[in-house]
């Protein structure tokens, strides 16, 4: 709130599983989140700037929305984001052409918003980014996370 960032409503599963976040001890395993905007629309398409497809900037925007949706889920699960001890790992999958080799730059959109909200050192995280030729619902990217929380 103090950063003037409005979080979307927490997402709900889109397939045959009933949780978006699993807790084990003080670790939260957050299922893949989609690039859903505040108005409920899903950002779709393939990153392929050399052939008239979406650009890295389009992908970064989508990854940012994934990050915001992850944070919304965190807030829904733990109520107070100050309980986040560490964003441990982020894993992103980018819908991109075979020729596109900069998935890591797309995922900066998610990493940047995590750093913006949680700052140093809490927001620093390990990260992987891969490309694939398709994703469910034709979404631009999907991001999952592992988060360590402080004991209550």
N, C-alpha and C. Protein backbone atom coordinates (compact mmCIF):
# COMPACT_ATOMS: atom_id res chain seq x y z
N UNK A 1 0.82 -1.18 0.00
CA UNK A 1 0.00 0.00 0.00
C UNK A 1 0.87 1.25 0.00
N UNK A 2 1.91 1.28 0.82
CA UNK A 2 2.76 2.47 0.87
C UNK A 2 3.55 2.66 -0.41
N UNK A 3 3.64 1.64 -1.26
CA UNK A 3 4.34 1.75 -2.54
C UNK A 3 3.38 2.10 -3.68
N UNK A 4 2.08 2.31 -3.34
CA UNK A 4 1.05 2.58 -4.34
C UNK A 4 0.92 1.46 -5.37
N UNK A 5 1.08 0.23 -4.93
CA UNK A 5 0.90 -0.94 -5.78
C UNK A 5 -0.37 -1.64 -5.32
N UNK A 6 -1.30 -1.79 -6.23
CA UNK A 6 -2.55 -2.47 -5.92
C UNK A 6 -2.42 -3.94 -6.32
N UNK A 7 -2.66 -4.81 -5.38
CA UNK A 7 -2.60 -6.24 -5.67
C UNK A 7 -3.93 -6.72 -6.24
N UNK A 8 -3.87 -7.66 -7.17
CA UNK A 8 -5.11 -8.25 -7.68
C UNK A 8 -5.71 -9.19 -6.63
N UNK A 9 -6.91 -9.67 -6.90
CA UNK A 9 -7.50 -10.70 -6.05
C UNK A 9 -6.66 -11.96 -6.19
N UNK A 10 -6.50 -12.73 -5.11
CA UNK A 10 -5.74 -13.99 -5.22
C UNK A 10 -6.34 -14.90 -6.28
N UNK A 11 -5.47 -15.58 -7.00
CA UNK A 11 -5.95 -16.45 -8.08
C UNK A 11 -6.48 -17.76 -7.54
N UNK A 12 -7.26 -18.40 -8.37
CA UNK A 12 -7.81 -19.72 -8.06
C UNK A 12 -7.26 -20.72 -9.07
N UNK A 13 -7.19 -21.99 -8.69
CA UNK A 13 -6.68 -23.00 -9.63
C UNK A 13 -7.46 -23.01 -10.93
N UNK A 14 -6.76 -23.27 -12.03
CA UNK A 14 -7.39 -23.32 -13.35
C UNK A 14 -7.53 -24.75 -13.87
N UNK A 15 -7.18 -25.73 -13.04
CA UNK A 15 -7.25 -27.13 -13.47
C UNK A 15 -7.58 -28.00 -12.25
N UNK A 16 -7.29 -29.29 -12.33
CA UNK A 16 -7.68 -30.26 -11.33
C UNK A 16 -6.69 -30.34 -10.16
N UNK A 17 -6.58 -29.24 -9.45
CA UNK A 17 -5.85 -29.22 -8.18
C UNK A 17 -6.54 -28.16 -7.35
N UNK A 18 -6.48 -28.29 -6.04
CA UNK A 18 -7.31 -27.41 -5.24
C UNK A 18 -6.54 -26.41 -4.37
N UNK A 19 -5.24 -26.33 -4.55
CA UNK A 19 -4.50 -25.33 -3.79
C UNK A 19 -3.54 -24.58 -4.71
N UNK A 20 -3.32 -23.34 -4.38
CA UNK A 20 -2.34 -22.55 -5.13
C UNK A 20 -1.07 -22.33 -4.32
N UNK A 21 -1.11 -22.79 -3.06
CA UNK A 21 0.04 -22.63 -2.19
C UNK A 21 0.05 -23.76 -1.17
N UNK A 22 1.18 -24.44 -1.05
CA UNK A 22 1.32 -25.53 -0.09
C UNK A 22 2.37 -25.14 0.95
N UNK A 23 2.02 -25.24 2.21
CA UNK A 23 2.95 -24.93 3.29
C UNK A 23 3.56 -26.20 3.84
N UNK A 24 4.86 -26.16 4.06
CA UNK A 24 5.58 -27.24 4.73
C UNK A 24 6.55 -26.59 5.68
N UNK A 25 6.23 -26.66 6.97
CA UNK A 25 7.04 -25.92 7.94
C UNK A 25 6.89 -24.43 7.66
N UNK A 26 8.04 -23.75 7.56
CA UNK A 26 7.98 -22.31 7.28
C UNK A 26 8.27 -22.01 5.80
N UNK A 27 8.10 -23.02 4.96
CA UNK A 27 8.29 -22.84 3.52
C UNK A 27 6.94 -22.90 2.81
N UNK A 28 6.74 -21.99 1.87
CA UNK A 28 5.54 -21.98 1.04
C UNK A 28 5.94 -22.30 -0.39
N UNK A 29 5.27 -23.26 -0.97
CA UNK A 29 5.50 -23.66 -2.36
C UNK A 29 4.31 -23.15 -3.15
N UNK A 30 4.54 -22.15 -3.97
CA UNK A 30 3.47 -21.46 -4.67
C UNK A 30 3.37 -21.98 -6.10
N UNK A 31 2.20 -22.49 -6.45
CA UNK A 31 1.95 -23.04 -7.78
C UNK A 31 2.17 -21.97 -8.85
N UNK A 32 2.28 -22.43 -10.09
CA UNK A 32 2.45 -21.51 -11.20
C UNK A 32 1.33 -20.49 -11.27
N UNK A 33 1.70 -19.22 -11.36
CA UNK A 33 0.74 -18.13 -11.47
C UNK A 33 0.78 -17.54 -12.87
N UNK A 34 -0.37 -17.10 -13.29
CA UNK A 34 -0.56 -16.60 -14.65
C UNK A 34 -0.48 -15.08 -14.70
N UNK A 35 -0.27 -14.54 -15.90
CA UNK A 35 -0.24 -13.09 -16.06
C UNK A 35 -1.66 -12.54 -16.22
N UNK A 36 -2.39 -12.52 -15.10
CA UNK A 36 -3.75 -12.01 -15.09
C UNK A 36 -3.71 -10.57 -14.59
N UNK A 37 -4.30 -9.68 -15.37
CA UNK A 37 -4.34 -8.27 -15.01
C UNK A 37 -5.44 -8.00 -14.00
N UNK A 38 -5.45 -6.80 -13.42
CA UNK A 38 -6.44 -6.44 -12.41
C UNK A 38 -7.87 -6.56 -12.92
N UNK A 39 -8.07 -6.36 -14.22
CA UNK A 39 -9.42 -6.46 -14.78
C UNK A 39 -9.84 -7.90 -15.08
N UNK A 40 -8.96 -8.85 -14.75
CA UNK A 40 -9.26 -10.27 -14.95
C UNK A 40 -8.83 -10.82 -16.30
N UNK A 41 -8.33 -9.96 -17.17
CA UNK A 41 -7.90 -10.45 -18.49
C UNK A 41 -6.55 -11.13 -18.40
N UNK A 42 -6.37 -12.13 -19.24
CA UNK A 42 -5.15 -12.91 -19.29
C UNK A 42 -4.28 -12.41 -20.44
N UNK A 43 -3.01 -12.14 -20.16
CA UNK A 43 -2.08 -11.72 -21.20
C UNK A 43 -1.63 -12.96 -21.97
N UNK A 44 -1.89 -12.97 -23.26
CA UNK A 44 -1.63 -14.15 -24.07
C UNK A 44 -0.71 -13.83 -25.24
N UNK A 45 -0.14 -14.89 -25.80
CA UNK A 45 0.68 -14.77 -26.99
C UNK A 45 2.06 -15.35 -26.79
N UNK A 46 2.86 -15.24 -27.82
CA UNK A 46 4.20 -15.83 -27.83
C UNK A 46 5.25 -14.73 -28.03
N UNK A 47 6.33 -14.83 -27.27
CA UNK A 47 7.44 -13.90 -27.43
C UNK A 47 8.24 -14.33 -28.67
N UNK A 48 8.25 -13.45 -29.64
CA UNK A 48 8.92 -13.74 -30.91
C UNK A 48 9.13 -12.41 -31.66
N UNK A 49 9.94 -11.52 -31.09
CA UNK A 49 10.08 -10.17 -31.66
C UNK A 49 10.65 -10.13 -33.08
N UNK A 50 11.45 -11.10 -33.44
CA UNK A 50 12.06 -11.08 -34.78
C UNK A 50 11.09 -11.46 -35.89
N UNK A 51 9.94 -12.02 -35.52
CA UNK A 51 8.97 -12.47 -36.54
C UNK A 51 7.59 -11.86 -36.32
N UNK A 52 7.56 -10.66 -35.74
CA UNK A 52 6.28 -9.97 -35.57
C UNK A 52 5.49 -10.38 -34.35
N UNK A 53 6.06 -11.20 -33.49
CA UNK A 53 5.37 -11.62 -32.27
C UNK A 53 5.57 -10.61 -31.16
N UNK A 54 5.24 -11.02 -29.96
CA UNK A 54 5.37 -10.14 -28.80
C UNK A 54 6.84 -9.83 -28.52
N UNK A 55 7.07 -8.72 -27.82
CA UNK A 55 8.42 -8.25 -27.52
C UNK A 55 8.85 -8.64 -26.10
N UNK A 56 10.12 -8.41 -25.82
CA UNK A 56 10.62 -8.63 -24.46
C UNK A 56 9.84 -7.76 -23.48
N UNK A 57 9.53 -6.52 -23.86
CA UNK A 57 8.77 -5.63 -22.97
C UNK A 57 7.38 -6.18 -22.69
N UNK A 58 6.73 -6.75 -23.70
CA UNK A 58 5.43 -7.40 -23.49
C UNK A 58 5.57 -8.54 -22.47
N UNK A 59 6.63 -9.32 -22.62
CA UNK A 59 6.89 -10.42 -21.71
C UNK A 59 7.18 -9.96 -20.30
N UNK A 60 7.96 -8.89 -20.17
CA UNK A 60 8.26 -8.35 -18.84
C UNK A 60 6.99 -7.88 -18.14
N UNK A 61 6.09 -7.26 -18.90
CA UNK A 61 4.82 -6.83 -18.31
C UNK A 61 4.04 -8.04 -17.82
N UNK A 62 4.00 -9.10 -18.62
CA UNK A 62 3.29 -10.32 -18.22
C UNK A 62 3.93 -10.94 -16.97
N UNK A 63 5.26 -11.00 -16.94
CA UNK A 63 5.96 -11.57 -15.79
C UNK A 63 5.71 -10.73 -14.53
N UNK A 64 5.62 -9.41 -14.70
CA UNK A 64 5.30 -8.53 -13.56
C UNK A 64 3.92 -8.89 -13.00
N UNK A 65 2.95 -9.11 -13.89
CA UNK A 65 1.61 -9.49 -13.42
C UNK A 65 1.65 -10.85 -12.71
N UNK A 66 2.46 -11.78 -13.21
CA UNK A 66 2.63 -13.05 -12.49
C UNK A 66 3.14 -12.80 -11.08
N UNK A 67 4.15 -11.94 -10.96
CA UNK A 67 4.70 -11.60 -9.65
C UNK A 67 3.67 -10.98 -8.74
N UNK A 68 2.89 -10.05 -9.25
CA UNK A 68 1.84 -9.42 -8.43
C UNK A 68 0.81 -10.45 -7.98
N UNK A 69 0.49 -11.40 -8.86
CA UNK A 69 -0.46 -12.46 -8.47
C UNK A 69 0.13 -13.38 -7.42
N UNK A 70 1.42 -13.66 -7.50
CA UNK A 70 2.09 -14.45 -6.46
C UNK A 70 2.03 -13.71 -5.13
N UNK A 71 2.29 -12.42 -5.15
CA UNK A 71 2.26 -11.62 -3.91
C UNK A 71 0.84 -11.59 -3.35
N UNK A 72 -0.17 -11.50 -4.21
CA UNK A 72 -1.56 -11.53 -3.75
C UNK A 72 -1.87 -12.85 -3.05
N UNK A 73 -1.37 -13.95 -3.62
CA UNK A 73 -1.55 -15.25 -2.98
C UNK A 73 -0.84 -15.30 -1.63
N UNK A 74 0.38 -14.78 -1.58
CA UNK A 74 1.11 -14.73 -0.31
C UNK A 74 0.31 -13.98 0.75
N UNK A 75 -0.18 -12.80 0.38
CA UNK A 75 -0.93 -12.00 1.34
C UNK A 75 -2.18 -12.73 1.79
N UNK A 76 -2.86 -13.41 0.88
CA UNK A 76 -4.05 -14.17 1.23
C UNK A 76 -3.71 -15.31 2.20
N UNK A 77 -2.57 -15.94 2.00
CA UNK A 77 -2.17 -17.09 2.81
C UNK A 77 -1.64 -16.70 4.19
N UNK A 78 -0.80 -15.65 4.24
CA UNK A 78 -0.13 -15.32 5.51
C UNK A 78 -0.61 -14.01 6.12
N UNK A 79 -1.49 -13.31 5.42
CA UNK A 79 -2.15 -12.08 5.86
C UNK A 79 -1.24 -10.86 5.93
N UNK A 80 -0.03 -10.99 6.42
CA UNK A 80 0.89 -9.86 6.60
C UNK A 80 2.17 -10.13 5.82
N UNK A 81 2.43 -9.33 4.79
CA UNK A 81 3.62 -9.56 3.96
C UNK A 81 4.92 -9.34 4.72
N UNK A 82 4.86 -8.71 5.89
CA UNK A 82 6.07 -8.56 6.72
C UNK A 82 6.53 -9.90 7.27
N UNK A 83 5.69 -10.92 7.18
CA UNK A 83 6.08 -12.27 7.61
C UNK A 83 6.97 -12.97 6.59
N UNK A 84 7.12 -12.41 5.39
CA UNK A 84 8.01 -13.01 4.40
C UNK A 84 9.45 -12.80 4.86
N UNK A 85 10.13 -13.91 5.08
CA UNK A 85 11.54 -13.85 5.49
C UNK A 85 12.45 -13.79 4.28
N UNK A 86 12.10 -14.57 3.24
CA UNK A 86 12.95 -14.62 2.05
C UNK A 86 12.17 -15.16 0.86
N UNK A 87 12.29 -14.48 -0.27
CA UNK A 87 11.85 -15.07 -1.53
C UNK A 87 13.01 -15.98 -1.92
N UNK A 88 12.81 -17.28 -1.85
CA UNK A 88 13.91 -18.23 -2.01
C UNK A 88 14.21 -18.49 -3.48
N UNK A 89 13.18 -18.83 -4.24
CA UNK A 89 13.40 -19.20 -5.65
C UNK A 89 12.17 -18.86 -6.48
N UNK A 90 12.44 -18.45 -7.70
CA UNK A 90 11.41 -18.16 -8.68
C UNK A 90 11.74 -18.98 -9.92
N UNK A 91 10.72 -19.62 -10.48
CA UNK A 91 10.90 -20.40 -11.71
C UNK A 91 9.89 -19.91 -12.73
N UNK A 92 10.39 -19.44 -13.87
CA UNK A 92 9.52 -18.90 -14.89
C UNK A 92 9.60 -19.66 -16.20
N UNK A 93 8.46 -19.81 -16.83
CA UNK A 93 8.35 -20.48 -18.13
C UNK A 93 7.78 -19.46 -19.10
N UNK A 94 8.46 -19.28 -20.21
CA UNK A 94 8.07 -18.25 -21.18
C UNK A 94 7.63 -18.90 -22.49
N UNK A 95 6.46 -18.53 -22.96
CA UNK A 95 5.93 -18.99 -24.24
C UNK A 95 6.68 -18.22 -25.32
N UNK A 96 7.58 -18.89 -26.01
CA UNK A 96 8.45 -18.18 -26.97
C UNK A 96 8.81 -19.07 -28.15
N UNK A 97 9.25 -18.41 -29.20
CA UNK A 97 9.68 -19.14 -30.39
C UNK A 97 11.00 -19.86 -30.13
N UNK A 98 11.31 -20.83 -30.98
CA UNK A 98 12.57 -21.56 -30.85
C UNK A 98 13.77 -20.64 -31.02
N UNK A 99 13.61 -19.57 -31.78
CA UNK A 99 14.72 -18.66 -32.05
C UNK A 99 14.98 -17.69 -30.89
N UNK A 100 13.99 -17.47 -30.03
CA UNK A 100 14.13 -16.50 -28.94
C UNK A 100 14.99 -17.09 -27.83
N UNK A 101 16.00 -16.36 -27.41
CA UNK A 101 16.95 -16.87 -26.41
C UNK A 101 17.10 -15.97 -25.20
N UNK A 102 16.15 -15.10 -24.94
CA UNK A 102 16.31 -14.13 -23.85
C UNK A 102 15.17 -14.22 -22.82
N UNK A 103 14.80 -15.45 -22.49
CA UNK A 103 13.75 -15.66 -21.50
C UNK A 103 14.12 -15.03 -20.16
N UNK A 104 15.41 -15.01 -19.84
CA UNK A 104 15.85 -14.42 -18.58
C UNK A 104 15.48 -12.94 -18.49
N UNK A 105 15.49 -12.23 -19.61
CA UNK A 105 15.11 -10.82 -19.61
C UNK A 105 13.61 -10.65 -19.40
N UNK A 106 12.81 -11.55 -19.92
CA UNK A 106 11.37 -11.53 -19.68
C UNK A 106 11.11 -11.67 -18.19
N UNK A 107 11.79 -12.60 -17.55
CA UNK A 107 11.56 -12.87 -16.13
C UNK A 107 12.00 -11.74 -15.21
N UNK A 108 12.77 -10.80 -15.75
CA UNK A 108 13.13 -9.62 -14.95
C UNK A 108 11.88 -8.88 -14.48
N UNK A 109 10.78 -8.96 -15.26
CA UNK A 109 9.54 -8.30 -14.85
C UNK A 109 9.05 -8.80 -13.50
N UNK A 110 9.15 -10.10 -13.27
CA UNK A 110 8.74 -10.69 -12.00
C UNK A 110 9.76 -10.35 -10.90
N UNK A 111 11.02 -10.55 -11.20
CA UNK A 111 12.05 -10.27 -10.21
C UNK A 111 12.04 -8.81 -9.78
N UNK A 112 11.84 -7.92 -10.73
CA UNK A 112 11.82 -6.48 -10.41
C UNK A 112 10.70 -6.13 -9.44
N UNK A 113 9.49 -6.68 -9.66
CA UNK A 113 8.39 -6.34 -8.76
C UNK A 113 8.59 -6.97 -7.38
N UNK A 114 9.20 -8.14 -7.32
CA UNK A 114 9.50 -8.75 -6.01
C UNK A 114 10.50 -7.89 -5.24
N UNK A 115 11.51 -7.37 -5.94
CA UNK A 115 12.49 -6.50 -5.29
C UNK A 115 11.86 -5.16 -4.90
N UNK A 116 10.97 -4.66 -5.75
CA UNK A 116 10.30 -3.39 -5.47
C UNK A 116 9.47 -3.49 -4.19
N UNK A 117 8.81 -4.61 -4.01
CA UNK A 117 7.93 -4.78 -2.85
C UNK A 117 8.69 -5.23 -1.60
N UNK A 118 9.61 -6.18 -1.74
CA UNK A 118 10.27 -6.74 -0.56
C UNK A 118 11.64 -6.15 -0.27
N UNK A 119 12.29 -5.56 -1.26
CA UNK A 119 13.59 -4.94 -1.06
C UNK A 119 14.69 -5.93 -0.75
N UNK A 120 15.85 -5.38 -0.38
CA UNK A 120 17.02 -6.19 -0.03
C UNK A 120 16.96 -6.50 1.45
N UNK A 121 17.36 -7.61 1.92
CA UNK A 121 17.76 -8.81 1.20
C UNK A 121 16.60 -9.76 0.94
N UNK A 122 15.39 -9.44 1.49
CA UNK A 122 14.25 -10.37 1.43
C UNK A 122 13.86 -10.72 0.00
N UNK A 123 13.89 -9.75 -0.89
CA UNK A 123 13.43 -9.98 -2.25
C UNK A 123 14.42 -10.69 -3.15
N UNK A 124 15.71 -10.72 -2.75
CA UNK A 124 16.70 -11.43 -3.58
C UNK A 124 16.37 -12.92 -3.62
N UNK A 125 16.51 -13.52 -4.79
CA UNK A 125 16.11 -14.91 -4.93
C UNK A 125 16.92 -15.60 -6.02
N UNK A 126 17.00 -16.92 -5.89
CA UNK A 126 17.53 -17.73 -6.99
C UNK A 126 16.44 -17.77 -8.05
N UNK A 127 16.85 -17.96 -9.31
CA UNK A 127 15.85 -17.91 -10.37
C UNK A 127 16.26 -18.78 -11.55
N UNK A 128 15.27 -19.40 -12.16
CA UNK A 128 15.45 -20.10 -13.43
C UNK A 128 14.41 -19.60 -14.39
N UNK A 129 14.78 -19.56 -15.66
CA UNK A 129 13.84 -19.16 -16.71
C UNK A 129 14.07 -20.06 -17.91
N UNK A 130 12.99 -20.62 -18.41
CA UNK A 130 13.09 -21.47 -19.60
C UNK A 130 12.04 -21.03 -20.62
N UNK A 131 12.26 -21.43 -21.85
CA UNK A 131 11.29 -21.18 -22.91
C UNK A 131 10.61 -22.47 -23.30
N UNK A 132 9.38 -22.33 -23.78
CA UNK A 132 8.63 -23.47 -24.28
C UNK A 132 7.82 -23.00 -25.49
N UNK A 133 7.44 -23.94 -26.32
CA UNK A 133 6.72 -23.55 -27.54
C UNK A 133 5.23 -23.34 -27.32
N UNK A 134 4.73 -23.65 -26.14
CA UNK A 134 3.32 -23.42 -25.83
C UNK A 134 3.11 -23.46 -24.32
N UNK A 135 2.09 -22.77 -23.87
CA UNK A 135 1.67 -22.82 -22.47
C UNK A 135 0.15 -22.91 -22.43
N UNK A 136 -0.42 -23.45 -21.35
CA UNK A 136 -1.87 -23.53 -21.25
C UNK A 136 -2.52 -22.15 -21.44
N UNK A 137 -3.66 -22.14 -22.07
CA UNK A 137 -4.45 -20.93 -22.30
C UNK A 137 -3.72 -19.90 -23.16
N UNK A 138 -2.62 -20.32 -23.80
CA UNK A 138 -1.80 -19.43 -24.63
C UNK A 138 -1.21 -18.27 -23.84
N UNK A 139 -1.05 -18.45 -22.53
CA UNK A 139 -0.50 -17.36 -21.71
C UNK A 139 0.95 -17.08 -22.11
N UNK A 140 1.39 -15.85 -21.87
CA UNK A 140 2.74 -15.44 -22.23
C UNK A 140 3.78 -16.13 -21.35
N UNK A 141 3.49 -16.22 -20.07
CA UNK A 141 4.44 -16.85 -19.15
C UNK A 141 3.69 -17.37 -17.93
N UNK A 142 4.39 -18.19 -17.17
CA UNK A 142 3.87 -18.73 -15.92
C UNK A 142 5.02 -18.74 -14.93
N UNK A 143 4.72 -18.38 -13.68
CA UNK A 143 5.79 -18.27 -12.68
C UNK A 143 5.35 -18.97 -11.39
N UNK A 144 6.27 -19.76 -10.84
CA UNK A 144 6.04 -20.35 -9.52
C UNK A 144 7.13 -19.86 -8.59
N UNK A 145 6.92 -20.04 -7.28
CA UNK A 145 7.89 -19.52 -6.32
C UNK A 145 7.96 -20.38 -5.07
N UNK A 146 9.09 -20.28 -4.41
CA UNK A 146 9.29 -20.87 -3.08
C UNK A 146 9.63 -19.70 -2.15
N UNK A 147 8.89 -19.61 -1.04
CA UNK A 147 9.04 -18.48 -0.12
C UNK A 147 9.18 -18.98 1.31
N UNK A 148 10.14 -18.44 2.02
CA UNK A 148 10.33 -18.76 3.42
C UNK A 148 9.63 -17.68 4.25
N UNK A 149 8.85 -18.12 5.24
CA UNK A 149 8.15 -17.16 6.10
C UNK A 149 8.69 -17.24 7.53
N UNK A 150 8.51 -16.13 8.24
CA UNK A 150 8.93 -16.06 9.64
C UNK A 150 7.94 -16.85 10.48
N UNK A 151 8.45 -17.46 11.52
CA UNK A 151 7.58 -18.18 12.46
C UNK A 151 6.64 -17.18 13.11
N UNK A 152 5.40 -17.62 13.39
CA UNK A 152 4.42 -16.73 14.05
C UNK A 152 4.75 -16.56 15.50
